[in-house]
Amino acid sequence: MDASALTGESLPINASAGVRVLSGMVNGNGLIKARVEKSYKNSTASRIIDMVSNAYENKGNKEKLITRFSKYYTPCLLYTSPSPRDSCASRMPSSACKKKKT
C-alpha cells in the first residue's frame, strides 16, 4: 500500500491480515479485503478534503492580498523577462559578446 500522499512515507507499506489501512492509500498489488471501521465523515480522506477546502477561508488578509497580487504579477513578470534563448547580442553591446582570445 502506498501511503506517500497521506504520510509522506517513501516506502510502500506491506498490508497483510490485521494491518490497518487508511482511506486514501493506494493499492499497488492485487486485491485486498478490508473492514470499514469509520464512516466517511470521520475518515482520513474526508478530513484532508475539509482542510483543503477551508484553507483559503483561514488565510489572513495579507495572505489573501499576496495571492491576488501574484495572480497578476507573476504572469506579467514572466512575459516581460528575457528568454534564455535570447542571444547575448540582443541585450549587450557587441563588444561585450566577443570572446576573449587566450
C-alpha atoms as a PDB file:
ATOM      1  CA  MET A   1       0.000   0.000   0.000  1.00  0.00           C
ATOM      2  CA  ASP A   2       1.352   3.400  -0.979  1.00  0.00           C
ATOM      3  CA  ALA A   3       0.719   5.919   1.806  1.00  0.00           C
ATOM      4  CA  SER A   4       3.047   8.635   0.476  1.00  0.00           C
ATOM      5  CA  ALA A   5       0.197  11.060  -0.279  1.00  0.00           C
ATOM      6  CA  LEU A   6      -1.027  10.793   3.320  1.00  0.00           C
ATOM      7  CA  THR A   7       2.086  10.351   5.416  1.00  0.00           C
ATOM      8  CA  GLY A   8       4.991  11.296   3.175  1.00  0.00           C
ATOM      9  CA  GLU A   9       6.442   7.822   3.693  1.00  0.00           C
ATOM     10  CA  SER A  10       8.530   6.988   0.638  1.00  0.00           C
ATOM     11  CA  LEU A  11       8.398   3.212   1.008  1.00  0.00           C
ATOM     12  CA  PRO A  12       5.201   1.223   0.495  1.00  0.00           C
ATOM     13  CA  ILE A  13       3.596  -0.497   3.477  1.00  0.00           C
ATOM     14  CA  ASN A  14       3.141  -4.259   3.324  1.00  0.00           C
ATOM     15  CA  ALA A  15      -0.525  -4.863   4.019  1.00  0.00           C
ATOM     16  CA  SER A  16      -1.397  -8.242   5.444  1.00  0.00           C
ATOM     17  CA  ALA A  17      -4.135  -9.620   7.678  1.00  0.00           C
ATOM     18  CA  GLY A  18      -4.604  -7.418  10.729  1.00  0.00           C
ATOM     19  CA  VAL A  19      -2.770  -4.370   9.343  1.00  0.00           C
ATOM     20  CA  ARG A  20      -4.787  -1.133   9.368  1.00  0.00           C
ATOM     21  CA  VAL A  21      -5.069   0.751   6.111  1.00  0.00           C
ATOM     22  CA  LEU A  22      -6.216   4.354   5.762  1.00  0.00           C
ATOM     23  CA  SER A  23      -8.630   5.767   3.244  1.00  0.00           C
ATOM     24  CA  GLY A  24      -6.524   7.450   0.615  1.00  0.00           C
ATOM     25  CA  MET A  25      -3.846   4.747   0.498  1.00  0.00           C
ATOM     26  CA  VAL A  26      -3.190   3.397  -2.991  1.00  0.00           C
ATOM     27  CA  ASN A  27      -3.212  -0.359  -3.511  1.00  0.00           C
ATOM     28  CA  GLY A  28      -0.341  -1.243  -5.810  1.00  0.00           C
ATOM     29  CA  ASN A  29      -0.589  -5.034  -5.784  1.00  0.00           C
ATOM     30  CA  GLY A  30      -3.528  -7.364  -6.171  1.00  0.00           C
ATOM     31  CA  LEU A  31      -6.842  -7.493  -4.392  1.00  0.00           C
ATOM     32  CA  ILE A  32      -7.416  -6.651  -0.736  1.00  0.00           C
ATOM     33  CA  LYS A  33     -10.306  -7.244   1.585  1.00  0.00           C
ATOM     34  CA  ALA A  34     -10.749  -4.626   4.292  1.00  0.00           C
ATOM     35  CA  ARG A  35     -13.245  -3.957   7.063  1.00  0.00           C
ATOM     36  CA  VAL A  36     -14.519  -0.394   7.366  1.00  0.00           C
ATOM     37  CA  GLU A  37     -14.160   0.933  10.920  1.00  0.00           C
ATOM     38  CA  LYS A  38     -15.124   4.592  10.444  1.00  0.00           C
ATOM     39  CA  SER A  39     -17.779   6.405   8.479  1.00  0.00           C
ATOM     40  CA  TYR A  40     -16.708   8.622   5.580  1.00  0.00           C
ATOM     41  CA  LYS A  41     -17.304  11.712   7.722  1.00  0.00           C
ATOM     42  CA  ASN A  42     -14.634  10.526  10.181  1.00  0.00           C
ATOM     43  CA  SER A  43     -12.199   9.203   7.566  1.00  0.00           C
ATOM     44  CA  THR A  44      -8.732  10.466   6.711  1.00  0.00           C
ATOM     45  CA  ALA A  45      -9.794  11.349   3.169  1.00  0.00           C
ATOM     46  CA  SER A  46     -12.733  13.401   4.444  1.00  0.00           C
ATOM     47  CA  ARG A  47     -10.511  15.354   6.832  1.00  0.00           C
ATOM     48  CA  ILE A  48      -7.997  16.116   4.065  1.00  0.00           C
ATOM     49  CA  ILE A  49     -10.754  17.351   1.755  1.00  0.00           C
ATOM     50  CA  ASP A  50     -12.148  19.565   4.528  1.00  0.00           C
ATOM     51  CA  MET A  51      -8.714  21.036   5.296  1.00  0.00           C
ATOM     52  CA  VAL A  52      -8.027  21.848   1.651  1.00  0.00           C
ATOM     53  CA  SER A  53     -11.445  23.401   1.052  1.00  0.00           C
ATOM     54  CA  ASN A  54     -11.204  25.512   4.214  1.00  0.00           C
ATOM     55  CA  ALA A  55      -7.589  26.589   3.693  1.00  0.00           C
ATOM     56  CA  TYR A  56      -8.453  29.774   1.801  1.00  0.00           C
ATOM     57  CA  GLU A  57     -11.000  30.838   4.429  1.00  0.00           C
ATOM     58  CA  ASN A  58      -8.372  30.504   7.151  1.00  0.00           C
ATOM     59  CA  LYS A  59      -5.818  32.679   5.367  1.00  0.00           C
ATOM     60  CA  GLY A  60      -5.098  36.064   6.849  1.00  0.00           C
ATOM     61  CA  ASN A  61      -5.855  39.270   4.959  1.00  0.00           C
ATOM     62  CA  LYS A  62      -2.195  39.721   3.980  1.00  0.00           C
ATOM     63  CA  GLU A  63      -2.013  36.198   2.565  1.00  0.00           C
ATOM     64  CA  LYS A  64      -5.179  36.784   0.555  1.00  0.00           C
ATOM     65  CA  LEU A  65      -3.749  40.057  -0.801  1.00  0.00           C
ATOM     66  CA  ILE A  66      -0.483  38.345  -1.789  1.00  0.00           C
ATOM     67  CA  THR A  67      -2.398  35.553  -3.519  1.00  0.00           C
ATOM     68  CA  ARG A  68      -4.478  38.045  -5.520  1.00  0.00           C
ATOM     69  CA  PHE A  69      -1.400  40.154  -6.320  1.00  0.00           C
ATOM     70  CA  SER A  70       0.662  37.179  -7.500  1.00  0.00           C
ATOM     71  CA  LYS A  71      -2.167  36.065  -9.777  1.00  0.00           C
ATOM     72  CA  TYR A  72      -1.437  39.102 -11.981  1.00  0.00           C
ATOM     73  CA  TYR A  73       2.183  39.944 -11.114  1.00  0.00           C
ATOM     74  CA  THR A  74       3.728  36.548 -11.860  1.00  0.00           C
ATOM     75  CA  PRO A  75       2.405  36.206 -15.435  1.00  0.00           C
ATOM     76  CA  CYS A  76       3.440  39.821 -16.179  1.00  0.00           C
ATOM     77  CA  LEU A  77       6.919  39.172 -14.819  1.00  0.00           C
ATOM     78  CA  LEU A  78       7.316  36.023 -16.881  1.00  0.00           C
ATOM     79  CA  TYR A  79       6.020  37.758 -20.001  1.00  0.00           C
ATOM     80  CA  THR A  80       8.445  40.663 -19.721  1.00  0.00           C
ATOM     81  CA  SER A  81      11.548  38.698 -18.684  1.00  0.00           C
ATOM     82  CA  PRO A  82      14.113  37.896 -21.385  1.00  0.00           C
ATOM     83  CA  SER A  83      14.005  34.424 -22.842  1.00  0.00           C
ATOM     84  CA  PRO A  84      17.010  32.176 -22.158  1.00  0.00           C
ATOM     85  CA  ARG A  85      17.176  31.731 -25.950  1.00  0.00           C
ATOM     86  CA  ASP A  86      17.822  35.447 -26.473  1.00  0.00           C
ATOM     87  CA  SER A  87      21.283  35.945 -27.853  1.00  0.00           C
ATOM     88  CA  CYS A  88      23.861  37.947 -25.997  1.00  0.00           C
ATOM     89  CA  ALA A  89      23.912  40.476 -28.829  1.00  0.00           C
ATOM     90  CA  SER A  90      20.274  41.392 -28.364  1.00  0.00           C
ATOM     91  CA  ARG A  91      20.910  42.521 -24.770  1.00  0.00           C
ATOM     92  CA  MET A  92      24.532  43.648 -24.696  1.00  0.00           C
ATOM     93  CA  PRO A  93      26.819  45.822 -26.819  1.00  0.00           C
ATOM     94  CA  SER A  94      28.610  43.782 -29.460  1.00  0.00           C
ATOM     95  CA  SER A  95      31.988  44.327 -27.787  1.00  0.00           C
ATOM     96  CA  ALA A  96      30.764  42.596 -24.610  1.00  0.00           C
ATOM     97  CA  CYS A  97      29.717  39.479 -26.540  1.00  0.00           C
ATOM     98  CA  LYS A  98      33.051  38.844 -28.234  1.00  0.00           C
ATOM     99  CA  LYS A  99      35.035  36.038 -26.709  1.00  0.00           C
ATOM    100  CA  LYS A 100      38.461  36.911 -25.435  1.00  0.00           C
ATOM    101  CA  LYS A 101      41.312  35.049 -27.064  1.00  0.00           C
ATOM    102  CA  THR A 102      43.618  33.288 -24.659  1.00  0.00           C
END
